[in-house]
Amino acid sequence: MTKLKNIKPIQQWYPGLKNTPLLIAGPCSAESEEQVMQTAHAIAKLDKVNVFRSGIWKPRTRPGNFEGVGEQGLKWLQQVKKETGLLTTVEVANPEHIELAVKYNIDILWIGARTTSNPFSVQELADSLKGYDKPVMVKNPINPDIQLWVGALERFHKAGIHKLAAIHRGFYPFEATTLRNIPKWEIPIELKSMCHSLPIICDPSHIAGNTEFIPEIAQKAMDLNMNGLMIETHINPTAALSDMNQQLTPKQLDDLLDKLIFRSISVRNNEFISVLESLRDKIDSIDQQMLELLSQRMDIVGEIGKYKSKNEVTILQLRRWEKIITTRLKQGKKLGLSEDFIKKLLQLVHKESIQKQTEVMNKIAASKKDKTR
């Protein structure tokens, strides 16, 4: 469990905010006053978005590229709020950023993925925010480390920030993939299980890396009951100075939001509840059978371990493992199961089987040593 207690729901952040979904949109970077204002007015006209986002400081992987306009961009965001009524949010990475964001009355602050990965930086920011009543959104770290993510949230919470949210923006892949970052949906789901009251907002732009995949990822986030979306939107993405491939136009954003299906977490229809409970009972029964079968399998694995030990045979039998993979994949496909799912399941079972045989053989070896003493 986490130390995150008394997290305030989104509707308590500012008057007029809805708890779900919180819709945040705006360009990756503030590039010019004209670009910021045109984008903001176009987004405001949709009457669907709550918060205008824009990067003011943009440290890049390598120097020499556009790294943000700095303080003058905060003045433009002040004007955005004055002219459109949209709340504003920016990324902050050091105490000076916080000081300036507060000076220009930025409504919400967010912590970037690279900053979240560094507990020293997070603690420095948390200390700087003590005494302020600003909502803080924390992006997941670059690598899929849920404890690092939770730790960053806890540091802000300990500093007195109870208007907290997490932002799921995916995790950096070791190898090139279709998406810019791997979603690994199981991690934000686990975070929600650890702290039910913590709002989680999805950033489909950074997961996708390409506008083609943003609608599918946004819908997935809504289907998983996430509390909002942060979508990069630019008045002219083809001219953007950063991340042009993942920024929608305001018109594309409007189309996306129109097509999104916002499902309820529950309904009061008695027939629906009855059918759902019946189906869940069946799942519970099948899960119980699976656990019993896995237990039986591990008992047999233990017997094999004893037999291998007696005959001084190695635990890993590569040909046997390859045969299991080949035959089970064929069987699984016939049953309508995906190849990826079968492989992952078999790998988990195989890992546990090796551990079981190792324990058995080590126990036998230790017993033999005791007898020879």
Protein backbone atom coordinates (compact mmCIF):
# COMPACT_ATOMS: atom_id res chain seq x y z
CA MET A 1 0.00 0.00 0.00
CA THR A 2 1.03 3.61 -0.41
CA LYS A 3 1.21 6.53 2.00
CA LEU A 4 -1.08 8.55 -0.28
CA LYS A 5 -4.03 9.51 1.89
CA ASN A 6 -6.75 12.14 1.51
CA ILE A 7 -6.07 12.77 -2.18
CA LYS A 8 -8.52 15.41 -3.37
CA PRO A 9 -10.66 14.52 -6.42
CA ILE A 10 -10.20 16.60 -9.55
CA GLN A 11 -13.47 18.48 -9.12
CA GLN A 12 -12.06 19.97 -5.91
CA TRP A 13 -8.98 21.39 -7.64
CA TYR A 14 -10.76 24.40 -9.11
CA PRO A 15 -14.39 25.54 -9.47
CA GLY A 16 -16.00 24.22 -12.63
CA LEU A 17 -13.72 21.21 -13.06
CA LYS A 18 -15.36 17.85 -13.58
CA ASN A 19 -13.94 14.82 -11.85
CA THR A 20 -13.77 12.80 -15.05
CA PRO A 21 -12.70 13.02 -17.71
CA LEU A 22 -10.26 15.91 -17.28
CA LEU A 23 -9.33 17.01 -20.79
CA ILE A 24 -6.00 18.77 -21.27
CA ALA A 25 -4.80 19.97 -24.68
CA GLY A 26 -2.23 22.28 -26.17
CA PRO A 27 1.06 22.31 -28.05
CA CYS A 28 4.16 20.36 -27.09
CA SER A 29 6.00 23.70 -26.93
CA ALA A 30 5.09 27.35 -26.74
CA GLU A 31 6.87 28.65 -29.84
CA SER A 32 5.45 32.13 -30.38
CA GLU A 33 2.69 34.28 -28.97
CA GLU A 34 0.70 33.93 -32.18
CA GLN A 35 1.00 30.14 -32.20
CA VAL A 36 -0.03 29.85 -28.55
CA MET A 37 -2.99 32.20 -28.79
CA GLN A 38 -4.33 30.76 -32.05
CA THR A 39 -4.12 27.23 -30.67
CA ALA A 40 -5.73 28.21 -27.38
CA HIS A 41 -8.67 30.02 -29.00
CA ALA A 42 -9.26 27.11 -31.40
CA ILE A 43 -9.27 24.65 -28.48
CA ALA A 44 -11.52 26.87 -26.36
CA LYS A 45 -14.09 27.03 -29.18
CA LEU A 46 -14.54 23.25 -28.92
CA ASP A 47 -16.02 23.77 -25.45
CA LYS A 48 -14.72 20.34 -24.42
CA VAL A 49 -11.28 20.98 -22.96
CA ASN A 50 -10.65 22.03 -19.35
CA VAL A 51 -6.95 22.87 -19.33
CA PHE A 52 -4.47 24.35 -21.81
CA ARG A 53 -1.00 22.79 -21.71
CA SER A 54 2.27 23.97 -23.21
CA GLY A 55 5.95 23.26 -22.71
CA ILE A 56 7.87 26.38 -21.68
CA TRP A 57 11.22 24.78 -20.89
CA LYS A 58 12.19 21.99 -23.29
CA PRO A 59 15.57 20.45 -22.43
CA ARG A 60 16.35 18.00 -25.24
CA THR A 61 18.31 14.79 -25.34
CA ARG A 62 21.07 16.63 -27.16
CA PRO A 63 21.77 20.38 -27.12
CA GLY A 64 21.28 22.55 -30.17
CA ASN A 65 17.60 21.87 -30.78
CA PHE A 66 14.73 24.15 -29.76
CA GLU A 67 14.70 24.19 -25.95
CA GLY A 68 11.72 26.41 -25.20
CA VAL A 69 11.04 30.12 -24.95
CA GLY A 70 11.30 30.35 -21.17
CA GLU A 71 9.65 33.02 -19.03
CA GLN A 72 8.03 34.96 -21.87
CA GLY A 73 5.92 31.89 -22.64
CA LEU A 74 4.37 32.15 -19.17
CA LYS A 75 3.13 35.61 -20.09
CA TRP A 76 1.40 34.12 -23.13
CA LEU A 77 -0.28 31.52 -20.90
CA GLN A 78 -1.51 34.31 -18.64
CA GLN A 79 -3.13 35.83 -21.70
CA VAL A 80 -4.61 32.47 -22.69
CA LYS A 81 -6.37 32.20 -19.35
CA LYS A 82 -7.57 35.82 -19.54
CA GLU A 83 -9.00 35.51 -23.07
CA THR A 84 -10.33 31.92 -23.08
CA GLY A 85 -11.02 31.05 -19.44
CA LEU A 86 -9.02 27.82 -19.80
CA LEU A 87 -6.89 26.75 -16.86
CA THR A 88 -3.18 26.44 -17.65
CA THR A 89 -0.51 23.85 -16.94
CA VAL A 90 3.24 23.63 -17.57
CA GLU A 91 6.06 21.22 -16.83
CA VAL A 92 8.49 22.24 -14.08
CA ALA A 93 11.90 20.68 -13.56
CA ASN A 94 13.62 22.84 -10.95
CA PRO A 95 12.74 25.30 -8.14
CA GLU A 96 13.24 28.30 -10.43
CA HIS A 97 10.56 26.94 -12.78
CA ILE A 98 8.17 26.63 -9.84
CA GLU A 99 8.89 30.16 -8.69
CA LEU A 100 8.15 31.56 -12.14
CA ALA A 101 5.06 29.39 -12.66
CA VAL A 102 3.63 30.64 -9.37
CA LYS A 103 4.57 34.24 -10.26
CA TYR A 104 2.52 34.00 -13.47
CA ASN A 105 -0.34 32.16 -11.73
CA ILE A 106 -0.11 28.91 -13.68
CA ASP A 107 -2.91 26.73 -12.34
CA ILE A 108 -1.46 23.20 -12.50
CA LEU A 109 2.13 21.95 -12.57
CA TRP A 110 3.33 18.69 -14.03
CA ILE A 111 6.53 16.74 -13.47
CA GLY A 112 8.16 15.20 -16.54
CA ALA A 113 9.17 11.56 -16.91
CA ARG A 114 12.91 12.24 -16.74
CA THR A 115 12.52 14.31 -13.59
CA THR A 116 10.36 11.62 -11.95
CA SER A 117 13.23 9.19 -12.54
CA ASN A 118 15.50 11.22 -10.24
CA PRO A 119 14.46 11.20 -6.55
CA PHE A 120 16.92 14.02 -5.79
CA SER A 121 15.20 16.32 -8.29
CA VAL A 122 11.74 15.26 -7.11
CA GLN A 123 12.61 16.01 -3.48
CA GLU A 124 13.98 19.42 -4.44
CA LEU A 125 10.73 20.24 -6.25
CA ALA A 126 8.60 18.92 -3.40
CA ASP A 127 10.48 21.10 -0.92
CA SER A 128 9.94 24.13 -3.17
CA LEU A 129 6.20 23.50 -3.31
CA LYS A 130 5.63 23.42 0.44
CA GLY A 131 2.99 25.96 1.36
CA TYR A 132 1.53 26.22 -2.15
CA ASP A 133 -1.92 24.92 -3.03
CA LYS A 134 -1.11 24.01 -6.63
CA PRO A 135 -2.29 20.72 -8.14
CA VAL A 136 0.66 18.58 -9.23
CA MET A 137 0.57 15.87 -11.90
CA VAL A 138 3.44 13.38 -11.95
CA LYS A 139 4.34 11.53 -15.14
CA ASN A 140 5.58 7.98 -14.87
CA PRO A 141 9.37 7.50 -14.97
CA ILE A 142 10.96 6.53 -18.27
CA ASN A 143 11.48 2.94 -17.14
CA PRO A 144 8.62 0.74 -15.87
CA ASP A 145 9.42 1.16 -12.17
CA ILE A 146 6.17 1.57 -10.27
CA GLN A 147 7.94 2.09 -6.94
CA LEU A 148 9.85 5.04 -8.38
CA TRP A 149 6.56 6.50 -9.61
CA VAL A 150 4.86 5.97 -6.25
CA GLY A 151 7.88 7.38 -4.45
CA ALA A 152 7.69 10.61 -6.44
CA LEU A 153 3.99 10.99 -5.67
CA GLU A 154 4.65 10.32 -1.98
CA ARG A 155 7.35 13.01 -1.84
CA PHE A 156 4.87 15.64 -3.05
CA HIS A 157 2.19 14.30 -0.76
CA LYS A 158 4.57 14.53 2.21
CA ALA A 159 5.20 18.18 1.24
CA GLY A 160 1.48 18.88 1.75
CA ILE A 161 0.29 18.52 -1.85
CA HIS A 162 -3.03 16.65 -1.76
CA LYS A 163 -4.23 17.81 -5.18
CA LEU A 164 -2.25 15.07 -6.88
CA ALA A 165 -2.60 13.08 -10.08
CA ALA A 166 -0.47 10.61 -12.01
CA ILE A 167 0.08 10.85 -15.76
CA HIS A 168 0.57 7.65 -17.72
CA ARG A 169 2.76 8.44 -20.75
CA GLY A 170 4.20 5.01 -21.45
CA PHE A 171 7.69 3.58 -20.96
CA TYR A 172 10.79 3.85 -23.09
CA PRO A 173 11.27 0.69 -25.21
CA PHE A 174 14.63 -1.04 -25.37
CA GLU A 175 14.11 -1.66 -29.08
CA ALA A 176 12.24 0.33 -31.71
CA THR A 177 8.48 -0.34 -31.76
CA THR A 178 5.48 0.99 -33.65
CA LEU A 179 4.64 3.20 -30.69
CA ARG A 180 7.00 5.80 -29.25
CA ASN A 181 6.58 4.40 -25.74
CA ILE A 182 5.21 1.05 -24.58
CA PRO A 183 1.89 1.49 -22.70
CA LYS A 184 2.29 -1.41 -20.25
CA TRP A 185 -1.26 -0.76 -19.05
CA GLU A 186 -0.78 -3.17 -16.15
CA ILE A 187 1.41 -0.60 -14.36
CA PRO A 188 -1.13 2.27 -14.10
CA ILE A 189 -3.76 -0.37 -13.23
CA GLU A 190 -1.54 -1.56 -10.38
CA LEU A 191 -1.00 2.06 -9.28
CA LYS A 192 -4.78 2.55 -9.15
CA SER A 193 -5.09 -0.62 -7.08
CA MET A 194 -2.51 0.74 -4.65
CA CYS A 195 -4.32 4.08 -4.27
CA HIS A 196 -7.97 4.08 -5.35
CA SER A 197 -8.44 7.82 -4.86
CA LEU A 198 -5.47 8.86 -7.02
CA PRO A 199 -6.58 10.30 -10.39
CA ILE A 200 -4.68 8.86 -13.35
CA ILE A 201 -4.56 10.80 -16.60
CA CYS A 202 -3.34 9.27 -19.86
CA ASP A 203 -1.00 11.03 -22.29
CA PRO A 204 -1.74 9.20 -25.56
CA SER A 205 0.46 11.60 -27.54
CA HIS A 206 3.68 10.41 -25.92
CA ILE A 207 2.64 6.76 -25.97
CA ALA A 208 1.77 6.95 -29.66
CA GLY A 209 4.45 9.21 -31.06
CA ASN A 210 2.23 9.42 -34.13
CA THR A 211 -1.25 10.89 -34.51
CA GLU A 212 -2.41 7.70 -36.26
CA PHE A 213 -2.47 5.75 -32.98
CA ILE A 214 -3.76 8.44 -30.61
CA PRO A 215 -7.51 7.66 -30.95
CA GLU A 216 -7.04 3.96 -30.16
CA ILE A 217 -4.86 4.70 -27.12
CA ALA A 218 -7.22 7.41 -25.86
CA GLN A 219 -10.19 5.03 -26.08
CA LYS A 220 -8.22 2.32 -24.28
CA ALA A 221 -7.49 4.78 -21.47
CA MET A 222 -11.16 5.65 -21.13
CA ASP A 223 -12.13 1.97 -21.18
CA LEU A 224 -9.69 1.41 -18.30
CA ASN A 225 -11.50 4.11 -16.31
CA MET A 226 -8.68 6.65 -16.35
CA ASN A 227 -9.62 10.10 -15.18
CA GLY A 228 -8.60 12.18 -18.17
CA LEU A 229 -6.45 12.74 -21.23
CA MET A 230 -3.55 15.05 -22.02
CA ILE A 231 -3.36 15.43 -25.81
CA GLU A 232 -0.82 17.52 -27.65
CA THR A 233 -2.58 19.92 -30.03
CA HIS A 234 -1.00 22.50 -32.34
CA ILE A 235 -2.59 25.02 -34.71
CA ASN A 236 -0.15 23.86 -37.44
CA PRO A 237 1.67 20.64 -36.46
CA THR A 238 3.68 20.47 -39.68
CA ALA A 239 5.48 23.66 -38.60
CA ALA A 240 5.96 22.59 -34.97
CA LEU A 241 9.45 22.97 -33.50
CA SER A 242 9.12 19.77 -31.47
CA ASP A 243 7.24 16.46 -31.74
CA MET A 244 5.34 17.43 -34.89
CA ASN A 245 4.31 13.83 -35.63
CA GLN A 246 2.30 13.39 -32.44
CA GLN A 247 0.38 16.69 -32.36
CA LEU A 248 -3.23 16.92 -33.53
CA THR A 249 -4.82 19.98 -35.05
CA PRO A 250 -7.75 21.43 -33.06
CA LYS A 251 -10.09 19.98 -35.72
CA GLN A 252 -8.57 16.52 -35.30
CA LEU A 253 -8.90 16.88 -31.53
CA ASP A 254 -12.57 17.77 -31.94
CA ASP A 255 -13.16 14.70 -34.12
CA LEU A 256 -11.35 12.48 -31.63
CA LEU A 257 -13.35 13.72 -28.65
CA ASP A 258 -16.61 13.34 -30.58
CA LYS A 259 -15.83 9.70 -31.35
CA LEU A 260 -14.61 8.75 -27.90
CA ILE A 261 -16.98 6.53 -25.94
CA PHE A 262 -17.13 7.47 -22.27
CA ARG A 263 -18.41 4.40 -20.43
CA SER A 264 -19.81 4.33 -16.90
CA ILE A 265 -18.03 2.43 -14.17
CA SER A 266 -21.35 0.82 -13.19
CA VAL A 267 -25.08 0.89 -13.89
CA ARG A 268 -28.22 0.38 -11.83
CA ASN A 269 -29.85 -1.99 -14.29
CA ASN A 270 -30.72 -5.07 -12.24
CA GLU A 271 -30.69 -7.41 -15.24
CA PHE A 272 -27.21 -6.19 -16.23
CA ILE A 273 -25.92 -6.65 -12.68
CA SER A 274 -27.39 -10.16 -12.48
CA VAL A 275 -25.85 -11.28 -15.78
CA LEU A 276 -22.49 -9.71 -14.93
CA GLU A 277 -22.38 -11.42 -11.53
CA SER A 278 -23.23 -14.74 -13.16
CA LEU A 279 -20.37 -14.38 -15.65
CA ARG A 280 -17.99 -13.33 -12.89
CA ASP A 281 -18.96 -16.41 -10.88
CA LYS A 282 -17.95 -18.53 -13.86
CA ILE A 283 -14.59 -16.74 -14.05
CA ASP A 284 -14.05 -17.29 -10.32
CA SER A 285 -14.75 -21.00 -10.77
CA ILE A 286 -12.37 -21.30 -13.74
CA ASP A 287 -9.66 -19.38 -11.86
CA GLN A 288 -9.98 -21.80 -8.94
CA GLN A 289 -9.59 -24.74 -11.31
CA MET A 290 -6.55 -23.12 -12.95
CA LEU A 291 -4.87 -22.65 -9.58
CA GLU A 292 -5.56 -26.24 -8.60
CA LEU A 293 -4.15 -27.50 -11.92
CA LEU A 294 -1.05 -25.31 -11.56
CA SER A 295 -0.55 -26.69 -8.05
CA GLN A 296 -0.80 -30.24 -9.42
CA ARG A 297 1.66 -29.35 -12.17
CA MET A 298 4.18 -28.06 -9.64
CA ASP A 299 3.81 -31.27 -7.60
CA ILE A 300 4.80 -33.24 -10.71
CA VAL A 301 7.64 -30.78 -11.40
CA GLY A 302 8.91 -31.54 -7.89
CA GLU A 303 8.85 -35.27 -8.60
CA ILE A 304 10.80 -34.66 -11.81
CA GLY A 305 13.33 -32.66 -9.80
CA LYS A 306 13.84 -35.61 -7.44
CA TYR A 307 14.29 -37.99 -10.38
CA LYS A 308 16.76 -35.67 -12.12
CA SER A 309 18.74 -35.31 -8.89
CA LYS A 310 18.88 -39.05 -8.43
CA ASN A 311 20.20 -39.51 -11.96
CA GLU A 312 22.39 -36.37 -11.90
CA VAL A 313 20.60 -34.73 -14.83
CA THR A 314 20.53 -30.96 -15.42
CA ILE A 315 17.41 -28.96 -14.65
CA LEU A 316 17.15 -27.21 -18.02
CA GLN A 317 16.31 -29.55 -20.87
CA LEU A 318 16.37 -27.27 -23.92
CA ARG A 319 14.83 -29.71 -26.40
CA ARG A 320 11.95 -30.40 -24.02
CA TRP A 321 11.38 -26.66 -23.52
CA GLU A 322 11.38 -26.03 -27.29
CA LYS A 323 8.89 -28.87 -27.76
CA ILE A 324 6.60 -27.40 -25.09
CA ILE A 325 6.66 -24.00 -26.79
CA THR A 326 5.94 -25.44 -30.24
CA THR A 327 3.12 -27.79 -29.22
CA ARG A 328 1.43 -25.39 -26.81
CA LEU A 329 1.46 -22.56 -29.34
CA LYS A 330 -0.34 -24.78 -31.84
CA GLN A 331 -2.87 -25.89 -29.24
CA GLY A 332 -3.42 -22.35 -28.02
CA LYS A 333 -3.98 -20.94 -31.49
CA LYS A 334 -6.63 -23.57 -32.15
CA LEU A 335 -8.36 -22.42 -28.97
CA GLY A 336 -8.29 -18.78 -30.07
CA LEU A 337 -5.50 -17.60 -27.76
CA SER A 338 -2.88 -15.11 -28.97
CA GLU A 339 0.69 -16.29 -29.49
CA ASP A 340 2.08 -13.50 -27.32
CA PHE A 341 -0.20 -14.44 -24.40
CA ILE A 342 0.71 -18.15 -24.63
CA LYS A 343 4.44 -17.41 -24.74
CA LYS A 344 4.30 -15.11 -21.71
CA LEU A 345 2.21 -17.61 -19.76
CA LEU A 346 4.52 -20.51 -20.59
CA GLN A 347 7.60 -18.47 -19.71
CA LEU A 348 6.16 -17.68 -16.28
CA VAL A 349 5.26 -21.32 -15.65
CA HIS A 350 8.67 -22.48 -16.89
CA LYS A 351 10.47 -19.99 -14.64
CA GLU A 352 8.50 -21.22 -11.63
CA SER A 353 9.16 -24.85 -12.61
CA ILE A 354 12.92 -24.24 -12.76
CA GLN A 355 12.76 -22.57 -9.34
CA LYS A 356 10.79 -25.51 -7.94
CA GLN A 357 13.26 -28.09 -9.29
CA THR A 358 16.20 -26.02 -8.03
CA GLU A 359 14.75 -25.99 -4.51
CA VAL A 360 14.11 -29.74 -4.62
CA MET A 361 17.60 -30.59 -5.91
CA ASN A 362 19.31 -28.23 -3.47
CA LYS A 363 17.39 -29.81 -0.60
CA ILE A 364 18.43 -33.31 -1.68
CA ALA A 365 22.06 -32.21 -2.12
CA ALA A 366 22.08 -30.64 1.36
CA SER A 367 20.60 -33.81 2.84
CA LYS A 368 23.34 -35.94 1.22
CA LYS A 369 26.03 -33.68 2.67
CA ASP A 370 24.55 -33.99 6.15
CA LYS A 371 24.61 -37.79 5.89
CA THR A 372 28.28 -37.87 4.90
CA ARG A 373 29.39 -35.77 7.86
